[in-house]
Amino acid sequence: MKNAWLAVVLLGYWASALSAPAAGRPLISFGPSWESSTENKIDQHAVRFANYGARLGLVSNGCFEVFAGLGLEQLSFPTVTADAAFSYGVAGTLWLKKIEYYSVPDYFGLYGSYHASSVDAQYKGGGDRFSIQHRRYVGQVALKSASGPLRPFVRAGVMGSELETGEGHALGLSKSNATRAAFNGGAEWEWWPGWVVTLELGYAEALGGAARLEYRF
C-alpha cells in the first residue's frame, strides 16, 4: 500500500508537469548517482551501505523536486559477506518559502525520502544464505541557495533505518532498528546549461556522502 501511494504521488507530479504551460513546466532530470551511508551499529560494528544507480525526476525551482531511483546496493559488515542487491527509492523536497539572509535569497522547505533493498548474505564462517530486508526513512528541513550556478544547501532532521530477516538471524538479530539525527550539506553546480553536478556529505551514525550528475531538460 505504501508503494502504491508513492506511485500515485509521482504520477500526480508528472500529470501536473504535462498540463502546465510550457514556460512554467518543471524540468525532467536524469542521471547517475552514488551514495555511501552508515546508518546503524550492531555489537559496536558499523553497518555500511554503498549504492550505485540512476535517478529520474522532476525539478521546479522554488516549488518542488521529486526523484525516483533504481540501483545496486552493497552491504558491508564484519561478520557477513553480501551480494550486490537491487534497490529502489524515492526522494523529494517541497519548497515552502523564499527567504533572504544578509541579502542572499534562499529556499526553505521540507525534505523526505524512502529507500529499500533485499540483500542476500551469508556468515563468513559458512552456513545457509539468508535475506536481509533494508529500509531507510528520512525527514528533514532544508535550506538551499536560490540563485547562481553554485547552489549550496543544508538539511537537518531524523533518519530511521531498519534491518530485518524472517529467518531470525540478520547480523545476529531478528530485527535491528535505529533512529538517528541526520545532517546533510553540499552544493549543486550547474557547470553547463542543463548539466548539474551535486556533491553532498551526510552524518547519521557516521560520515557518509553522495555524488550525482544530472541532465535537466
Protein backbone atom coordinates (compact mmCIF):
# COMPACT_ATOMS: atom_id res chain seq x y z
CA MET A 1 0.00 0.00 0.00
CA LYS A 2 2.86 2.39 0.85
CA ASN A 3 4.47 1.81 -2.56
CA ALA A 4 1.10 2.38 -4.25
CA TRP A 5 0.75 5.78 -2.58
CA LEU A 6 4.26 6.72 -3.68
CA ALA A 7 3.37 5.78 -7.25
CA VAL A 8 0.23 7.94 -7.08
CA VAL A 9 2.26 10.93 -5.87
CA LEU A 10 4.81 10.54 -8.67
CA LEU A 11 2.07 10.20 -11.29
CA GLY A 12 0.46 13.34 -9.91
CA TYR A 13 3.68 15.30 -10.36
CA TRP A 14 4.03 14.01 -13.92
CA ALA A 15 0.43 14.95 -14.73
CA SER A 16 0.84 18.46 -13.33
CA ALA A 17 4.04 18.92 -15.34
CA LEU A 18 2.46 17.84 -18.63
CA SER A 19 -0.58 20.05 -18.13
CA ALA A 20 1.38 23.19 -17.13
CA PRO A 21 2.17 25.98 -19.58
CA ALA A 22 5.45 25.45 -21.43
CA ALA A 23 7.15 28.43 -19.74
CA GLY A 24 6.39 27.09 -16.29
CA ARG A 25 6.85 23.38 -16.95
CA PRO A 26 9.08 21.59 -14.42
CA LEU A 27 12.32 20.23 -15.83
CA ILE A 28 12.85 16.50 -16.30
CA SER A 29 16.07 15.30 -14.65
CA PHE A 30 18.03 12.12 -15.33
CA GLY A 31 21.50 10.88 -14.44
CA PRO A 32 23.77 8.53 -12.48
CA SER A 33 24.16 8.63 -8.70
CA TRP A 34 26.37 7.19 -5.95
CA GLU A 35 25.75 7.20 -2.20
CA SER A 36 27.52 5.85 0.88
CA SER A 37 25.92 5.78 4.32
CA THR A 38 26.45 4.33 7.80
CA GLU A 39 23.06 4.04 9.46
CA ASN A 40 23.48 1.69 12.40
CA LYS A 41 25.87 -0.18 14.68
CA ILE A 42 25.45 -3.78 15.88
CA ASP A 43 27.83 -5.04 18.60
CA GLN A 44 29.91 -1.88 18.02
CA HIS A 45 30.37 -2.75 14.34
CA ALA A 46 29.19 -0.24 11.75
CA VAL A 47 26.61 -1.31 9.16
CA ARG A 48 27.58 0.42 5.92
CA PHE A 49 25.80 0.67 2.59
CA ALA A 50 27.05 1.79 -0.82
CA ASN A 51 24.54 2.41 -3.59
CA TYR A 52 25.19 2.88 -7.32
CA GLY A 53 22.37 3.68 -9.70
CA ALA A 54 20.40 6.28 -11.65
CA ARG A 55 17.63 8.74 -10.84
CA LEU A 56 14.73 10.16 -12.81
CA GLY A 57 12.94 13.22 -11.53
CA LEU A 58 11.09 16.48 -11.93
CA VAL A 59 12.57 19.78 -10.74
CA SER A 60 10.68 23.05 -10.42
CA ASN A 61 12.96 25.66 -8.84
CA GLY A 62 11.30 27.26 -5.87
CA CYS A 63 8.36 24.80 -5.85
CA PHE A 64 9.38 21.16 -5.61
CA GLU A 65 11.91 18.48 -6.51
CA VAL A 66 10.95 14.80 -6.74
CA PHE A 67 13.12 11.82 -7.75
CA ALA A 68 12.77 8.06 -8.19
CA GLY A 69 15.90 5.93 -8.23
CA LEU A 70 16.97 2.38 -9.09
CA GLY A 71 20.34 0.81 -8.47
CA LEU A 72 22.56 -1.79 -6.84
CA GLU A 73 23.35 -1.75 -3.13
CA GLN A 74 26.31 -3.32 -1.35
CA LEU A 75 26.20 -4.05 2.39
CA SER A 76 29.41 -4.08 4.42
CA PHE A 77 29.56 -5.76 7.88
CA PRO A 78 32.49 -7.63 9.51
CA THR A 79 30.73 -10.97 10.11
CA VAL A 80 28.97 -11.48 6.76
CA THR A 81 29.57 -11.46 3.03
CA ALA A 82 26.79 -9.98 0.92
CA ASP A 83 25.95 -9.86 -2.76
CA ALA A 84 25.08 -6.62 -4.51
CA ALA A 85 21.31 -6.23 -4.32
CA PHE A 86 18.67 -4.41 -6.35
CA SER A 87 17.47 -1.27 -4.56
CA TYR A 88 14.90 1.42 -5.16
CA GLY A 89 13.91 4.70 -3.55
CA VAL A 90 12.09 7.99 -3.82
CA ALA A 91 13.04 11.43 -2.52
CA GLY A 92 11.51 14.86 -2.69
CA THR A 93 11.64 18.40 -1.40
CA LEU A 94 8.70 20.78 -1.11
CA TRP A 95 9.96 24.36 -1.06
CA LEU A 96 7.67 26.37 1.21
CA LYS A 97 9.12 29.85 1.23
CA LYS A 98 11.77 32.08 -0.28
CA ILE A 99 13.72 33.98 2.36
CA GLU A 100 16.67 36.38 2.39
CA TYR A 101 19.58 36.18 4.82
CA TYR A 102 22.09 39.03 4.55
CA SER A 103 20.59 39.82 1.11
CA VAL A 104 21.21 36.25 -0.11
CA PRO A 105 18.00 34.60 -1.38
CA ASP A 106 17.34 31.06 -0.13
CA TYR A 107 14.58 28.48 -0.42
CA PHE A 108 13.25 26.93 2.80
CA GLY A 109 11.36 23.63 2.67
CA LEU A 110 10.77 20.05 3.79
CA TYR A 111 12.68 17.01 2.53
CA GLY A 112 11.70 13.35 2.72
CA SER A 113 12.98 10.07 1.29
CA TYR A 114 12.37 6.31 1.38
CA HIS A 115 14.84 3.61 0.30
CA ALA A 116 14.59 -0.20 0.32
CA SER A 117 16.52 -3.29 -0.73
CA SER A 118 16.72 -7.03 -0.04
CA VAL A 119 20.32 -8.21 0.45
CA ASP A 120 21.38 -11.85 0.03
CA ALA A 121 24.05 -12.62 2.67
CA GLN A 122 25.99 -15.40 4.38
CA TYR A 123 28.06 -15.59 7.56
CA LYS A 124 31.80 -15.62 6.85
CA GLY A 125 32.13 -18.85 8.87
CA GLY A 126 29.73 -20.62 6.49
CA GLY A 127 26.14 -21.76 6.75
CA ASP A 128 22.94 -21.14 4.84
CA ARG A 129 22.38 -17.96 2.91
CA PHE A 130 19.70 -15.59 4.17
CA SER A 131 17.98 -12.39 3.10
CA ILE A 132 18.27 -9.07 4.94
CA GLN A 133 15.50 -6.54 4.34
CA HIS A 134 16.83 -2.99 4.49
CA ARG A 135 14.62 0.10 4.72
CA ARG A 136 15.55 3.73 5.36
CA TYR A 137 13.32 6.74 6.04
CA VAL A 138 14.48 10.36 6.25
CA GLY A 139 12.61 13.54 7.19
CA GLN A 140 14.43 16.90 7.28
CA VAL A 141 14.05 20.64 6.99
CA ALA A 142 16.05 22.05 4.08
CA LEU A 143 17.65 25.32 3.05
CA LYS A 144 19.14 25.94 -0.42
CA SER A 145 20.53 28.95 -2.24
CA ALA A 146 18.02 30.35 -4.72
CA SER A 147 20.41 31.98 -7.20
CA GLY A 148 23.58 31.43 -9.19
CA PRO A 149 25.11 28.37 -10.85
CA LEU A 150 26.58 27.21 -7.49
CA ARG A 151 23.76 26.49 -5.01
CA PRO A 152 24.85 25.35 -1.51
CA PHE A 153 22.31 23.54 0.65
CA VAL A 154 21.93 22.14 4.17
CA ARG A 155 19.40 19.73 5.69
CA ALA A 156 18.75 18.61 9.28
CA GLY A 157 16.27 16.12 10.72
CA VAL A 158 15.80 12.44 11.54
CA MET A 159 16.71 9.17 9.81
CA GLY A 160 15.17 5.78 10.61
CA SER A 161 16.89 2.57 9.49
CA GLU A 162 15.53 -1.00 9.65
CA LEU A 163 17.30 -4.32 9.14
CA GLU A 164 15.13 -7.43 9.29
CA THR A 165 15.02 -11.07 8.22
CA GLY A 166 12.19 -13.56 8.53
CA GLU A 167 14.70 -16.26 9.46
CA GLY A 168 15.68 -14.59 12.72
CA HIS A 169 19.41 -14.10 12.27
CA ALA A 170 20.10 -10.92 10.30
CA LEU A 171 23.55 -9.82 11.53
CA GLY A 172 22.87 -11.69 14.78
CA LEU A 173 19.47 -10.11 15.43
CA SER A 174 15.99 -10.86 14.12
CA LYS A 175 15.31 -7.15 13.80
CA SER A 176 17.51 -4.10 14.26
CA ASN A 177 16.02 -0.62 14.12
CA ALA A 178 17.81 2.67 14.65
CA THR A 179 16.65 6.28 14.71
CA ARG A 180 19.33 8.93 14.41
CA ALA A 181 19.65 12.66 13.95
CA ALA A 182 20.67 13.18 10.33
CA PHE A 183 22.58 16.14 8.87
CA ASN A 184 23.46 16.77 5.23
CA GLY A 185 25.24 19.55 3.40
CA GLY A 186 26.67 20.16 -0.03
CA ALA A 187 26.16 22.07 -3.24
CA GLU A 188 24.64 21.86 -6.70
CA TRP A 189 26.77 23.23 -9.53
CA GLU A 190 25.25 23.91 -12.94
CA TRP A 191 28.56 23.90 -14.79
CA TRP A 192 26.86 23.99 -18.22
CA PRO A 193 23.24 24.85 -19.10
CA GLY A 194 21.16 21.83 -18.13
CA TRP A 195 24.08 19.86 -16.62
CA VAL A 196 24.14 19.77 -12.81
CA VAL A 197 26.71 18.14 -10.52
CA THR A 198 25.79 17.60 -6.85
CA LEU A 199 28.29 16.74 -4.11
CA GLU A 200 26.98 16.03 -0.62
CA LEU A 201 28.23 14.99 2.82
CA GLY A 202 25.95 13.39 5.40
CA TYR A 203 26.20 12.32 9.01
CA ALA A 204 23.96 9.94 11.00
CA GLU A 205 25.80 7.06 12.69
CA ALA A 206 28.99 8.09 10.89
CA LEU A 207 30.12 10.22 7.97
CA GLY A 208 28.76 9.41 4.51
CA GLY A 209 28.38 11.12 1.19
CA ALA A 210 26.80 11.24 -2.25
CA ALA A 211 27.66 12.34 -5.78
CA ARG A 212 25.20 12.84 -8.63
CA LEU A 213 25.28 14.02 -12.24
CA GLU A 214 22.01 15.20 -13.81
CA TYR A 215 20.87 16.50 -17.15
CA ARG A 216 17.77 18.70 -16.81
CA PHE A 217 15.62 19.42 -19.85
